Amino acid sequence: MNEKVLQKVINELDTNYDIHTDTLEPLHGGYENYIFGCRKSNTVVRITPPNHRSVEEIKAEIDWIHYLQQHGAPTVQVINSKQGKLVELLSVDDLNIPVAAFKWAKGQMVTGKDFSTPLF
């Protein structure tokens, strides 16, 4: 996904989520997705390139995280869009781009120096 399309998706986020798009910052660690954080609204947004995985796969993944969350597992909290969806499909330049949002999780990025038996 090129930068122009990515920027159009970002511009659409405030229509679908309670996110201050003017304060979004790219976060490191997004291997297969574009990950942005908004500290002002305590939100992390995941934008998946449209040809990376199917929409059904993404919805199943987010639904599974939501199910675990609802049943007491210590997972990141999924945020519904303004339309009540776990995954929004944003149409930009004839592409349907899946977006999911989460509450900013407490903690820190795990690095190699953190690897230990108690961690695992």
PDB file of N, CA and C in Angstrom:
ATOM      1  N   MET A   1       0.865  -1.172   0.000  1.00  0.00           N
ATOM      2  CA  MET A   1       0.000   0.000   0.000  1.00  0.00           C
ATOM      3  C   MET A   1       0.907   1.229   0.000  1.00  0.00           C
ATOM      4  N   ASN A   2       0.654   2.152  -0.897  1.00  0.00           N
ATOM      5  CA  ASN A   2       1.524   3.316  -0.979  1.00  0.00           C
ATOM      6  C   ASN A   2       1.142   4.380   0.061  1.00  0.00           C
ATOM      7  N   GLU A   3       2.030   5.334   0.239  1.00  0.00           N
ATOM      8  CA  GLU A   3       1.847   6.369   1.269  1.00  0.00           C
ATOM      9  C   GLU A   3       0.598   7.218   1.043  1.00  0.00           C
ATOM     10  N   LYS A   4       0.263   7.461  -0.227  1.00  0.00           N
ATOM     11  CA  LYS A   4      -0.915   8.269  -0.551  1.00  0.00           C
ATOM     12  C   LYS A   4      -2.195   7.570  -0.072  1.00  0.00           C
ATOM     13  N   VAL A   5      -2.303   6.278  -0.340  1.00  0.00           N
ATOM     14  CA  VAL A   5      -3.471   5.504   0.099  1.00  0.00           C
ATOM     15  C   VAL A   5      -3.493   5.419   1.622  1.00  0.00           C
ATOM     16  N   LEU A   6      -2.333   5.166   2.228  1.00  0.00           N
ATOM     17  CA  LEU A   6      -2.258   5.086   3.692  1.00  0.00           C
ATOM     18  C   LEU A   6      -2.728   6.390   4.330  1.00  0.00           C
ATOM     19  N   GLN A   7      -2.316   7.514   3.784  1.00  0.00           N
ATOM     20  CA  GLN A   7      -2.736   8.807   4.330  1.00  0.00           C
ATOM     21  C   GLN A   7      -4.247   9.009   4.187  1.00  0.00           C
ATOM     22  N   LYS A   8      -4.833   8.558   3.093  1.00  0.00           N
ATOM     23  CA  LYS A   8      -6.286   8.658   2.917  1.00  0.00           C
ATOM     24  C   LYS A   8      -7.011   7.808   3.963  1.00  0.00           C
ATOM     25  N   VAL A   9      -6.470   6.626   4.261  1.00  0.00           N
ATOM     26  CA  VAL A   9      -7.064   5.779   5.297  1.00  0.00           C
ATOM     27  C   VAL A   9      -6.997   6.489   6.640  1.00  0.00           C
ATOM     28  N   ILE A  10      -5.856   7.041   6.963  1.00  0.00           N
ATOM     29  CA  ILE A  10      -5.697   7.767   8.229  1.00  0.00           C
ATOM     30  C   ILE A  10      -6.692   8.910   8.314  1.00  0.00           C
ATOM     31  N   ASN A  11      -6.887   9.617   7.215  1.00  0.00           N
ATOM     32  CA  ASN A  11      -7.834  10.735   7.208  1.00  0.00           C
ATOM     33  C   ASN A  11      -9.267  10.282   7.460  1.00  0.00           C
ATOM     34  N   GLU A  12      -9.587   9.027   7.148  1.00  0.00           N
ATOM     35  CA  GLU A  12     -10.933   8.488   7.352  1.00  0.00           C
ATOM     36  C   GLU A  12     -11.159   7.952   8.767  1.00  0.00           C
ATOM     37  N   LEU A  13     -10.100   7.795   9.543  1.00  0.00           N
ATOM     38  CA  LEU A  13     -10.232   7.149  10.850  1.00  0.00           C
ATOM     39  C   LEU A  13     -11.156   7.888  11.801  1.00  0.00           C
ATOM     40  N   ASP A  14     -11.095   9.226  11.821  1.00  0.00           N
ATOM     41  CA  ASP A  14     -11.935   9.950  12.778  1.00  0.00           C
ATOM     42  C   ASP A  14     -13.418   9.856  12.429  1.00  0.00           C
ATOM     43  N   THR A  15     -13.739   9.498  11.197  1.00  0.00           N
ATOM     44  CA  THR A  15     -15.133   9.277  10.807  1.00  0.00           C
ATOM     45  C   THR A  15     -15.660   7.980  11.414  1.00  0.00           C
ATOM     46  N   ASN A  16     -14.767   7.009  11.589  1.00  0.00           N
ATOM     47  CA  ASN A  16     -15.167   5.678  12.041  1.00  0.00           C
ATOM     48  C   ASN A  16     -14.830   5.374  13.493  1.00  0.00           C
ATOM     49  N   TYR A  17     -13.926   6.125  14.082  1.00  0.00           N
ATOM     50  CA  TYR A  17     -13.491   5.895  15.462  1.00  0.00           C
ATOM     51  C   TYR A  17     -13.347   7.241  16.166  1.00  0.00           C
ATOM     52  N   ASP A  18     -13.379   7.220  17.479  1.00  0.00           N
ATOM     53  CA  ASP A  18     -13.120   8.426  18.265  1.00  0.00           C
ATOM     54  C   ASP A  18     -11.609   8.564  18.455  1.00  0.00           C
ATOM     55  N   ILE A  19     -10.953   8.945  17.382  1.00  0.00           N
ATOM     56  CA  ILE A  19      -9.506   9.059  17.363  1.00  0.00           C
ATOM     57  C   ILE A  19      -9.129  10.455  16.892  1.00  0.00           C
ATOM     58  N   HIS A  20      -8.147  11.013  17.525  1.00  0.00           N
ATOM     59  CA  HIS A  20      -7.621  12.319  17.117  1.00  0.00           C
ATOM     60  C   HIS A  20      -6.536  12.065  16.068  1.00  0.00           C
ATOM     61  N   THR A  21      -6.937  12.033  14.818  1.00  0.00           N
ATOM     62  CA  THR A  21      -5.997  11.665  13.759  1.00  0.00           C
ATOM     63  C   THR A  21      -4.839  12.649  13.626  1.00  0.00           C
ATOM     64  N   ASP A  22      -5.030  13.866  14.097  1.00  0.00           N
ATOM     65  CA  ASP A  22      -3.946  14.845  14.013  1.00  0.00           C
ATOM     66  C   ASP A  22      -2.812  14.523  14.974  1.00  0.00           C
ATOM     67  N   THR A  23      -3.052  13.633  15.937  1.00  0.00           N
ATOM     68  CA  THR A  23      -1.999  13.270  16.889  1.00  0.00           C
ATOM     69  C   THR A  23      -1.537  11.817  16.732  1.00  0.00           C
ATOM     70  N   LEU A  24      -1.937  11.160  15.652  1.00  0.00           N
ATOM     71  CA  LEU A  24      -1.481   9.784  15.408  1.00  0.00           C
ATOM     72  C   LEU A  24       0.014   9.772  15.136  1.00  0.00           C
ATOM     73  N   GLU A  25       0.672   8.762  15.674  1.00  0.00           N
ATOM     74  CA  GLU A  25       2.095   8.599  15.403  1.00  0.00           C
ATOM     75  C   GLU A  25       2.362   7.144  15.034  1.00  0.00           C
ATOM     76  N   PRO A  26       3.219   6.916  14.059  1.00  0.00           N
ATOM     77  CA  PRO A  26       3.538   5.533  13.700  1.00  0.00           C
ATOM     78  C   PRO A  26       4.271   4.860  14.856  1.00  0.00           C
ATOM     79  N   LEU A  27       3.915   3.605  15.118  1.00  0.00           N
ATOM     80  CA  LEU A  27       4.568   2.840  16.167  1.00  0.00           C
ATOM     81  C   LEU A  27       5.441   1.769  15.530  1.00  0.00           C
ATOM     82  N   HIS A  28       6.524   1.436  16.179  1.00  0.00           N
ATOM     83  CA  HIS A  28       7.423   0.403  15.670  1.00  0.00           C
ATOM     84  C   HIS A  28       6.835  -0.966  15.972  1.00  0.00           C
ATOM     85  N   GLY A  29       7.249  -1.948  15.226  1.00  0.00           N
ATOM     86  CA  GLY A  29       6.837  -3.314  15.489  1.00  0.00           C
ATOM     87  C   GLY A  29       5.756  -3.818  14.562  1.00  0.00           C
ATOM     88  N   GLY A  30       5.258  -2.980  13.661  1.00  0.00           N
ATOM     89  CA  GLY A  30       4.230  -3.431  12.728  1.00  0.00           C
ATOM     90  C   GLY A  30       4.861  -4.188  11.585  1.00  0.00           C
ATOM     91  N   TYR A  31       4.980  -5.492  11.719  1.00  0.00           N
ATOM     92  CA  TYR A  31       5.653  -6.310  10.712  1.00  0.00           C
ATOM     93  C   TYR A  31       4.801  -6.472   9.459  1.00  0.00           C
ATOM     94  N   GLU A  32       3.541  -6.821   9.627  1.00  0.00           N
ATOM     95  CA  GLU A  32       2.674  -7.075   8.483  1.00  0.00           C
ATOM     96  C   GLU A  32       1.563  -6.047   8.346  1.00  0.00           C
ATOM     97  N   ASN A  33       1.472  -5.143   9.283  1.00  0.00           N
ATOM     98  CA  ASN A  33       0.425  -4.125   9.305  1.00  0.00           C
ATOM     99  C   ASN A  33       1.055  -2.769   9.572  1.00  0.00           C
ATOM    100  N   TYR A  34       0.294  -1.728   9.311  1.00  0.00           N
ATOM    101  CA  TYR A  34       0.688  -0.387   9.700  1.00  0.00           C
ATOM    102  C   TYR A  34       0.052  -0.136  11.064  1.00  0.00           C
ATOM    103  N   ILE A  35       0.875   0.230  12.043  1.00  0.00           N
ATOM    104  CA  ILE A  35       0.399   0.420  13.405  1.00  0.00           C
ATOM    105  C   ILE A  35       0.623   1.879  13.792  1.00  0.00           C
ATOM    106  N   PHE A  36      -0.459   2.523  14.272  1.00  0.00           N
ATOM    107  CA  PHE A  36      -0.384   3.915  14.703  1.00  0.00           C
ATOM    108  C   PHE A  36      -0.962   4.026  16.102  1.00  0.00           C
ATOM    109  N   GLY A  37      -0.412   4.936  16.879  1.00  0.00           N
ATOM    110  CA  GLY A  37      -0.916   5.160  18.221  1.00  0.00           C
ATOM    111  C   GLY A  37      -1.380   6.584  18.404  1.00  0.00           C
ATOM    112  N   CYS A  38      -2.381   6.742  19.242  1.00  0.00           N
ATOM    113  CA  CYS A  38      -2.890   8.056  19.612  1.00  0.00           C
ATOM    114  C   CYS A  38      -2.978   8.093  21.132  1.00  0.00           C
ATOM    115  N   ARG A  39      -1.992   8.710  21.760  1.00  0.00           N
ATOM    116  CA  ARG A  39      -1.975   8.773  23.234  1.00  0.00           C
ATOM    117  C   ARG A  39      -3.129   9.616  23.765  1.00  0.00           C
ATOM    118  N   LYS A  40      -3.551  10.615  22.998  1.00  0.00           N
ATOM    119  CA  LYS A  40      -4.628  11.499  23.438  1.00  0.00           C
ATOM    120  C   LYS A  40      -5.932  10.730  23.654  1.00  0.00           C
ATOM    121  N   SER A  41      -6.211   9.757  22.782  1.00  0.00           N
ATOM    122  CA  SER A  41      -7.428   8.954  22.940  1.00  0.00           C
ATOM    123  C   SER A  41      -7.112   7.545  23.449  1.00  0.00           C
ATOM    124  N   ASN A  42      -5.838   7.304  23.825  1.00  0.00           N
ATOM    125  CA  ASN A  42      -5.436   6.017  24.399  1.00  0.00           C
ATOM    126  C   ASN A  42      -5.765   4.860  23.457  1.00  0.00           C
ATOM    127  N   THR A  43      -5.468   5.041  22.170  1.00  0.00           N
ATOM    128  CA  THR A  43      -5.885   4.106  21.142  1.00  0.00           C
ATOM    129  C   THR A  43      -4.717   3.709  20.238  1.00  0.00           C
ATOM    130  N   VAL A  44      -4.734   2.460  19.805  1.00  0.00           N
ATOM    131  CA  VAL A  44      -3.807   1.962  18.792  1.00  0.00           C
ATOM    132  C   VAL A  44      -4.647   1.491  17.617  1.00  0.00           C
ATOM    133  N   VAL A  45      -4.223   1.837  16.423  1.00  0.00           N
ATOM    134  CA  VAL A  45      -4.954   1.473  15.205  1.00  0.00           C
ATOM    135  C   VAL A  45      -4.075   0.568  14.360  1.00  0.00           C
ATOM    136  N   ARG A  46      -4.680  -0.488  13.843  1.00  0.00           N
ATOM    137  CA  ARG A  46      -3.978  -1.415  12.956  1.00  0.00           C
ATOM    138  C   ARG A  46      -4.629  -1.362  11.575  1.00  0.00           C
ATOM    139  N   ILE A  47      -3.833  -1.001  10.589  1.00  0.00           N
ATOM    140  CA  ILE A  47      -4.288  -0.925   9.200  1.00  0.00           C
ATOM    141  C   ILE A  47      -3.591  -2.043   8.438  1.00  0.00           C
ATOM    142  N   THR A  48      -4.380  -2.925   7.835  1.00  0.00           N
ATOM    143  CA  THR A  48      -3.818  -4.074   7.140  1.00  0.00           C
ATOM    144  C   THR A  48      -3.866  -3.838   5.634  1.00  0.00           C
ATOM    145  N   PRO A  49      -2.738  -3.998   4.945  1.00  0.00           N
ATOM    146  CA  PRO A  49      -2.771  -3.876   3.486  1.00  0.00           C
ATOM    147  C   PRO A  49      -3.804  -4.835   2.900  1.00  0.00           C
ATOM    148  N   PRO A  50      -4.567  -4.389   1.905  1.00  0.00           N
ATOM    149  CA  PRO A  50      -5.703  -5.165   1.420  1.00  0.00           C
ATOM    150  C   PRO A  50      -5.365  -6.524   0.815  1.00  0.00           C
ATOM    151  N   ASN A  51      -4.187  -6.702   0.290  1.00  0.00           N
ATOM    152  CA  ASN A  51      -3.857  -7.996  -0.301  1.00  0.00           C
ATOM    153  C   ASN A  51      -2.930  -8.825   0.582  1.00  0.00           C
ATOM    154  N   HIS A  52      -2.805  -8.435   1.842  1.00  0.00           N
ATOM    155  CA  HIS A  52      -1.970  -9.196   2.772  1.00  0.00           C
ATOM    156  C   HIS A  52      -2.700 -10.437   3.276  1.00  0.00           C
ATOM    157  N   ARG A  53      -3.935 -10.247   3.727  1.00  0.00           N
ATOM    158  CA  ARG A  53      -4.773 -11.342   4.224  1.00  0.00           C
ATOM    159  C   ARG A  53      -6.208 -11.035   3.864  1.00  0.00           C
ATOM    160  N   SER A  54      -7.034 -12.066   3.867  1.00  0.00           N
ATOM    161  CA  SER A  54      -8.437 -11.849   3.522  1.00  0.00           C
ATOM    162  C   SER A  54      -9.155 -11.140   4.665  1.00  0.00           C
ATOM    163  N   VAL A  55     -10.215 -10.447   4.316  1.00  0.00           N
ATOM    164  CA  VAL A  55     -11.024  -9.753   5.316  1.00  0.00           C
ATOM    165  C   VAL A  55     -11.583 -10.761   6.316  1.00  0.00           C
ATOM    166  N   GLU A  56     -11.974 -11.941   5.846  1.00  0.00           N
ATOM    167  CA  GLU A  56     -12.515 -12.971   6.727  1.00  0.00           C
ATOM    168  C   GLU A  56     -11.479 -13.416   7.754  1.00  0.00           C
ATOM    169  N   GLU A  57     -10.218 -13.548   7.335  1.00  0.00           N
ATOM    170  CA  GLU A  57      -9.147 -13.931   8.267  1.00  0.00           C
ATOM    171  C   GLU A  57      -8.944 -12.854   9.332  1.00  0.00           C
ATOM    172  N   ILE A  58      -8.955 -11.615   8.915  1.00  0.00           N
ATOM    173  CA  ILE A  58      -8.761 -10.512   9.861  1.00  0.00           C
ATOM    174  C   ILE A  58      -9.926 -10.439  10.838  1.00  0.00           C
ATOM    175  N   LYS A  59     -11.143 -10.539  10.323  1.00  0.00           N
ATOM    176  CA  LYS A  59     -12.312 -10.515  11.199  1.00  0.00           C
ATOM    177  C   LYS A  59     -12.275 -11.673  12.189  1.00  0.00           C
ATOM    178  N   ALA A  60     -11.871 -12.853  11.748  1.00  0.00           N
ATOM    179  CA  ALA A  60     -11.787 -14.007  12.640  1.00  0.00           C
ATOM    180  C   ALA A  60     -10.756 -13.776  13.738  1.00  0.00           C
ATOM    181  N   GLU A  61      -9.617 -13.201  13.382  1.00  0.00           N
ATOM    182  CA  GLU A  61      -8.578 -12.913  14.376  1.00  0.00           C
ATOM    183  C   GLU A  61      -9.072 -11.922  15.419  1.00  0.00           C
ATOM    184  N   ILE A  62      -9.665 -10.829  14.972  1.00  0.00           N
ATOM    185  CA  ILE A  62     -10.132  -9.797  15.902  1.00  0.00           C
ATOM    186  C   ILE A  62     -11.296 -10.318  16.733  1.00  0.00           C
ATOM    187  N   ASP A  63     -12.171 -11.102  16.119  1.00  0.00           N
ATOM    188  CA  ASP A  63     -13.274 -11.713  16.859  1.00  0.00           C
ATOM    189  C   ASP A  63     -12.745 -12.640  17.950  1.00  0.00           C
ATOM    190  N   TRP A  64     -11.699 -13.392  17.663  1.00  0.00           N
ATOM    191  CA  TRP A  64     -11.096 -14.292  18.643  1.00  0.00           C
ATOM    192  C   TRP A  64     -10.498 -13.496  19.814  1.00  0.00           C
ATOM    193  N   ILE A  65      -9.783 -12.430  19.516  1.00  0.00           N
ATOM    194  CA  ILE A  65      -9.232 -11.576  20.576  1.00  0.00           C
ATOM    195  C   ILE A  65     -10.373 -11.017  21.426  1.00  0.00           C
ATOM    196  N   HIS A  66     -11.427 -10.557  20.779  1.00  0.00           N
ATOM    197  CA  HIS A  66     -12.578 -10.005  21.492  1.00  0.00           C
ATOM    198  C   HIS A  66     -13.239 -11.068  22.375  1.00  0.00           C
ATOM    199  N   TYR A  67     -13.393 -12.279  21.844  1.00  0.00           N
ATOM    200  CA  TYR A  67     -13.968 -13.387  22.612  1.00  0.00           C
ATOM    201  C   TYR A  67     -13.123 -13.661  23.862  1.00  0.00           C
ATOM    202  N   LEU A  68     -11.813 -13.751  23.682  1.00  0.00           N
ATOM    203  CA  LEU A  68     -10.928 -13.996  24.822  1.00  0.00           C
ATOM    204  C   LEU A  68     -11.049 -12.878  25.853  1.00  0.00           C
ATOM    205  N   GLN A  69     -11.078 -11.649  25.366  1.00  0.00           N
ATOM    206  CA  GLN A  69     -11.219 -10.482  26.243  1.00  0.00           C
ATOM    207  C   GLN A  69     -12.516 -10.571  27.043  1.00  0.00           C
ATOM    208  N   GLN A  70     -13.620 -10.905  26.370  1.00  0.00           N
ATOM    209  CA  GLN A  70     -14.928 -10.983  27.022  1.00  0.00           C
ATOM    210  C   GLN A  70     -14.995 -12.109  28.055  1.00  0.00           C
ATOM    211  N   HIS A  71     -14.106 -13.083  27.938  1.00  0.00           N
ATOM    212  CA  HIS A  71     -14.117 -14.216  28.855  1.00  0.00           C
ATOM    213  C   HIS A  71     -12.949 -14.190  29.844  1.00  0.00           C
ATOM    214  N   GLY A  72     -12.393 -13.010  30.051  1.00  0.00           N
ATOM    215  CA  GLY A  72     -11.433 -12.810  31.124  1.00  0.00           C
ATOM    216  C   GLY A  72      -9.980 -13.041  30.805  1.00  0.00           C
ATOM    217  N   ALA A  73      -9.642 -13.368  29.582  1.00  0.00           N
ATOM    218  CA  ALA A  73      -8.230 -13.553  29.229  1.00  0.00           C
ATOM    219  C   ALA A  73      -7.535 -12.192  29.180  1.00  0.00           C
ATOM    220  N   PRO A  74      -6.280 -12.145  29.586  1.00  0.00           N
ATOM    221  CA  PRO A  74      -5.555 -10.866  29.580  1.00  0.00           C
ATOM    222  C   PRO A  74      -5.083 -10.502  28.169  1.00  0.00           C
ATOM    223  N   THR A  75      -5.979  -9.956  27.383  1.00  0.00           N
ATOM    224  CA  THR A  75      -5.662  -9.560  26.016  1.00  0.00           C
ATOM    225  C   THR A  75      -5.804  -8.048  25.878  1.00  0.00           C
ATOM    226  N   VAL A  76      -5.336  -7.554  24.772  1.00  0.00           N
ATOM    227  CA  VAL A  76      -5.567  -6.163  24.440  1.00  0.00           C
ATOM    228  C   VAL A  76      -7.078  -5.975  24.239  1.00  0.00           C
ATOM    229  N   GLN A  77      -7.590  -4.800  24.592  1.00  0.00           N
ATOM    230  CA  GLN A  77      -9.024  -4.546  24.467  1.00  0.00           C
ATOM    231  C   GLN A  77      -9.351  -4.018  23.080  1.00  0.00           C
ATOM    232  N   VAL A  78     -10.203  -4.752  22.368  1.00  0.00           N
ATOM    233  CA  VAL A  78     -10.651  -4.341  21.041  1.00  0.00           C
ATOM    234  C   VAL A  78     -11.685  -3.225  21.209  1.00  0.00           C
ATOM    235  N   ILE A  79     -11.608  -2.226  20.350  1.00  0.00           N
ATOM    236  CA  ILE A  79     -12.551  -1.101  20.385  1.00  0.00           C
ATOM    237  C   ILE A  79     -13.473  -1.211  19.174  1.00  0.00           C
ATOM    238  N   ASN A  80     -14.749  -1.150  19.408  1.00  0.00           N
ATOM    239  CA  ASN A  80     -15.715  -1.123  18.309  1.00  0.00           C
ATOM    240  C   ASN A  80     -15.645   0.227  17.601  1.00  0.00           C
ATOM    241  N   SER A  81     -15.919   0.204  16.306  1.00  0.00           N
ATOM    242  CA  SER A  81     -16.030   1.452  15.556  1.00  0.00           C
ATOM    243  C   SER A  81     -17.314   2.170  15.975  1.00  0.00           C
ATOM    244  N   LYS A  82     -17.494   3.366  15.475  1.00  0.00           N
ATOM    245  CA  LYS A  82     -18.728   4.110  15.756  1.00  0.00           C
ATOM    246  C   LYS A  82     -19.949   3.361  15.246  1.00  0.00           C
ATOM    247  N   GLN A  83     -19.756   2.478  14.272  1.00  0.00           N
ATOM    248  CA  GLN A  83     -20.849   1.681  13.718  1.00  0.00           C
ATOM    249  C   GLN A  83     -20.998   0.349  14.456  1.00  0.00           C
ATOM    250  N   GLY A  84     -20.216   0.148  15.524  1.00  0.00           N
ATOM    251  CA  GLY A  84     -20.310  -1.065  16.326  1.00  0.00           C
ATOM    252  C   GLY A  84     -19.574  -2.265  15.752  1.00  0.00           C
ATOM    253  N   LYS A  85     -18.670  -2.046  14.819  1.00  0.00           N
ATOM    254  CA  LYS A  85     -17.940  -3.152  14.184  1.00  0.00           C
ATOM    255  C   LYS A  85     -16.560  -3.332  14.814  1.00  0.00           C
ATOM    256  N   LEU A  86     -16.120  -4.588  14.901  1.00  0.00           N
ATOM    257  CA  LEU A  86     -14.771  -4.879  15.380  1.00  0.00           C
ATOM    258  C   LEU A  86     -13.734  -4.578  14.312  1.00  0.00           C
ATOM    259  N   VAL A  87     -14.110  -4.744  13.046  1.00  0.00           N
ATOM    260  CA  VAL A  87     -13.234  -4.439  11.915  1.00  0.00           C
ATOM    261  C   VAL A  87     -14.020  -3.564  10.947  1.00  0.00           C
ATOM    262  N   GLU A  88     -13.451  -2.439  10.595  1.00  0.00           N
ATOM    263  CA  GLU A  88     -14.051  -1.562   9.593  1.00  0.00           C
ATOM    264  C   GLU A  88     -13.330  -1.771   8.273  1.00  0.00           C
ATOM    265  N   LEU A  89     -14.075  -1.750   7.202  1.00  0.00           N
ATOM    266  CA  LEU A  89     -13.502  -1.767   5.860  1.00  0.00           C
ATOM    267  C   LEU A  89     -13.598  -0.362   5.301  1.00  0.00           C
ATOM    268  N   LEU A  90     -12.467   0.273   5.120  1.00  0.00           N
ATOM    269  CA  LEU A  90     -12.460   1.626   4.586  1.00  0.00           C
ATOM    270  C   LEU A  90     -12.171   1.558   3.096  1.00  0.00           C
ATOM    271  N   SER A  91     -13.034   2.136   2.303  1.00  0.00           N
ATOM    272  CA  SER A  91     -12.878   2.132   0.849  1.00  0.00           C
ATOM    273  C   SER A  91     -12.081   3.353   0.422  1.00  0.00           C
ATOM    274  N   VAL A  92     -10.909   3.091  -0.120  1.00  0.00           N
ATOM    275  CA  VAL A  92     -10.022   4.150  -0.586  1.00  0.00           C
ATOM    276  C   VAL A  92      -9.446   3.722  -1.929  1.00  0.00           C
ATOM    277  N   ASP A  93      -9.613   4.560  -2.925  1.00  0.00           N
ATOM    278  CA  ASP A  93      -9.066   4.294  -4.262  1.00  0.00           C
ATOM    279  C   ASP A  93      -9.418   2.882  -4.745  1.00  0.00           C
ATOM    280  N   ASP A  94     -10.665   2.507  -4.648  1.00  0.00           N
ATOM    281  CA  ASP A  94     -11.162   1.196  -5.079  1.00  0.00           C
ATOM    282  C   ASP A  94     -10.564   0.026  -4.304  1.00  0.00           C
ATOM    283  N   LEU A  95     -10.009   0.281  -3.138  1.00  0.00           N
ATOM    284  CA  LEU A  95      -9.492  -0.769  -2.268  1.00  0.00           C
ATOM    285  C   LEU A  95     -10.337  -0.810  -0.998  1.00  0.00           C
ATOM    286  N   ASN A  96     -10.582  -2.000  -0.480  1.00  0.00           N
ATOM    287  CA  ASN A  96     -11.235  -2.159   0.816  1.00  0.00           C
ATOM    288  C   ASN A  96     -10.155  -2.509   1.826  1.00  0.00           C
ATOM    289  N   ILE A  97      -9.894  -1.583   2.731  1.00  0.00           N
ATOM    290  CA  ILE A  97      -8.771  -1.713   3.650  1.00  0.00           C
ATOM    291  C   ILE A  97      -9.296  -1.966   5.056  1.00  0.00           C
ATOM    292  N   PRO A  98      -8.954  -3.128   5.636  1.00  0.00           N
ATOM    293  CA  PRO A  98      -9.420  -3.462   6.986  1.00  0.00           C
ATOM    294  C   PRO A  98      -8.661  -2.678   8.050  1.00  0.00           C
ATOM    295  N   VAL A  99      -9.435  -2.173   9.010  1.00  0.00           N
ATOM    296  CA  VAL A  99      -8.883  -1.405  10.116  1.00  0.00           C
ATOM    297  C   VAL A  99      -9.477  -1.938  11.417  1.00  0.00           C
ATOM    298  N   ALA A 100      -8.633  -2.081  12.422  1.00  0.00           N
ATOM    299  CA  ALA A 100      -9.088  -2.463  13.756  1.00  0.00           C
ATOM    300  C   ALA A 100      -8.439  -1.514  14.753  1.00  0.00           C
ATOM    301  N   ALA A 101      -9.130  -1.278  15.862  1.00  0.00           N
ATOM    302  CA  ALA A 101      -8.610  -0.373  16.888  1.00  0.00           C
ATOM    303  C   ALA A 101      -8.622  -1.075  18.238  1.00  0.00           C
ATOM    304  N   PHE A 102      -7.678  -0.680  19.084  1.00  0.00           N
ATOM    305  CA  PHE A 102      -7.495  -1.291  20.390  1.00  0.00           C
ATOM    306  C   PHE A 102      -7.173  -0.217  21.418  1.00  0.00           C
ATOM    307  N   LYS A 103      -7.474  -0.501  22.680  1.00  0.00           N
ATOM    308  CA  LYS A 103      -7.011   0.373  23.753  1.00  0.00           C
ATOM    309  C   LYS A 103      -5.506   0.188  23.879  1.00  0.00           C
ATOM    310  N   TRP A 104      -4.825   1.268  24.181  1.00  0.00           N
ATOM    311  CA  TRP A 104      -3.378   1.228  24.347  1.00  0.00           C
ATOM    312  C   TRP A 104      -3.079   0.325  25.549  1.00  0.00           C
ATOM    313  N   ALA A 105      -2.292  -0.718  25.353  1.00  0.00           N
ATOM    314  CA  ALA A 105      -1.977  -1.661  26.425  1.00  0.00           C
ATOM    315  C   ALA A 105      -0.850  -1.114  27.294  1.00  0.00           C
ATOM    316  N   LYS A 106      -0.961  -1.379  28.571  1.00  0.00           N
ATOM    317  CA  LYS A 106       0.112  -0.996  29.490  1.00  0.00           C
ATOM    318  C   LYS A 106       1.282  -1.941  29.284  1.00  0.00           C
ATOM    319  N   GLY A 107       2.460  -1.447  29.523  1.00  0.00           N
ATOM    320  CA  GLY A 107       3.639  -2.295  29.428  1.00  0.00           C
ATOM    321  C   GLY A 107       4.678  -1.696  28.509  1.00  0.00           C
ATOM    322  N   GLN A 108       5.555  -2.539  28.063  1.00  0.00           N
ATOM    323  CA  GLN A 108       6.649  -2.103  27.211  1.00  0.00           C
ATOM    324  C   GLN A 108       6.929  -3.161  26.165  1.00  0.00           C
ATOM    325  N   MET A 109       7.647  -2.779  25.140  1.00  0.00           N
ATOM    326  CA  MET A 109       8.029  -3.703  24.081  1.00  0.00           C
ATOM    327  C   MET A 109       9.014  -4.715  24.658  1.00  0.00           C
ATOM    328  N   VAL A 110       8.769  -5.979  24.407  1.00  0.00           N
ATOM    329  CA  VAL A 110       9.666  -7.031  24.871  1.00  0.00           C
ATOM    330  C   VAL A 110      10.843  -7.106  23.911  1.00  0.00           C
ATOM    331  N   THR A 111      12.039  -7.143  24.471  1.00  0.00           N
ATOM    332  CA  THR A 111      13.252  -7.259  23.665  1.00  0.00           C
ATOM    333  C   THR A 111      13.993  -8.524  24.076  1.00  0.00           C
ATOM    334  N   GLY A 112      15.051  -8.832  23.374  1.00  0.00           N
ATOM    335  CA  GLY A 112      15.843 -10.029  23.661  1.00  0.00           C
ATOM    336  C   GLY A 112      16.333 -10.100  25.091  1.00  0.00           C
ATOM    337  N   LYS A 113      16.668  -8.967  25.691  1.00  0.00           N
ATOM    338  CA  LYS A 113      17.169  -8.989  27.073  1.00  0.00           C
ATOM    339  C   LYS A 113      16.086  -9.390  28.080  1.00  0.00           C
ATOM    340  N   ASP A 114      14.808  -9.315  27.659  1.00  0.00           N
ATOM    341  CA  ASP A 114      13.695  -9.688  28.540  1.00  0.00           C
ATOM    342  C   ASP A 114      13.384 -11.184  28.488  1.00  0.00           C
ATOM    343  N   PHE A 115      13.935 -11.893  27.500  1.00  0.00           N
ATOM    344  CA  PHE A 115      13.607 -13.308  27.326  1.00  0.00           C
ATOM    345  C   PHE A 115      14.108 -14.106  28.538  1.00  0.00           C
ATOM    346  N   SER A 116      13.193 -14.765  29.185  1.00  0.00           N
ATOM    347  CA  SER A 116      13.530 -15.575  30.361  1.00  0.00           C
ATOM    348  C   SER A 116      12.429 -16.602  30.564  1.00  0.00           C
ATOM    349  N   THR A 117      12.690 -17.570  31.406  1.00  0.00           N
ATOM    350  CA  THR A 117      11.704 -18.595  31.714  1.00  0.00           C
ATOM    351  C   THR A 117      10.428 -17.996  32.291  1.00  0.00           C
ATOM    352  N   PRO A 118      10.509 -17.049  33.260  1.00  0.00           N
ATOM    353  CA  PRO A 118       9.243 -16.474  33.785  1.00  0.00           C
ATOM    354  C   PRO A 118       8.407 -15.756  32.718  1.00  0.00           C
ATOM    355  N   LEU A 119       9.083 -15.099  31.759  1.00  0.00           N
ATOM    356  CA  LEU A 119       8.354 -14.408  30.699  1.00  0.00           C
ATOM    357  C   LEU A 119       7.558 -15.402  29.875  1.00  0.00           C
ATOM    358  N   PHE A 120       8.193 -16.502  29.494  1.00  0.00           N
ATOM    359  CA  PHE A 120       7.514 -17.476  28.662  1.00  0.00           C
ATOM    360  C   PHE A 120       6.573 -18.335  29.476  1.00  0.00           C
TER     361      PHE A 120
END
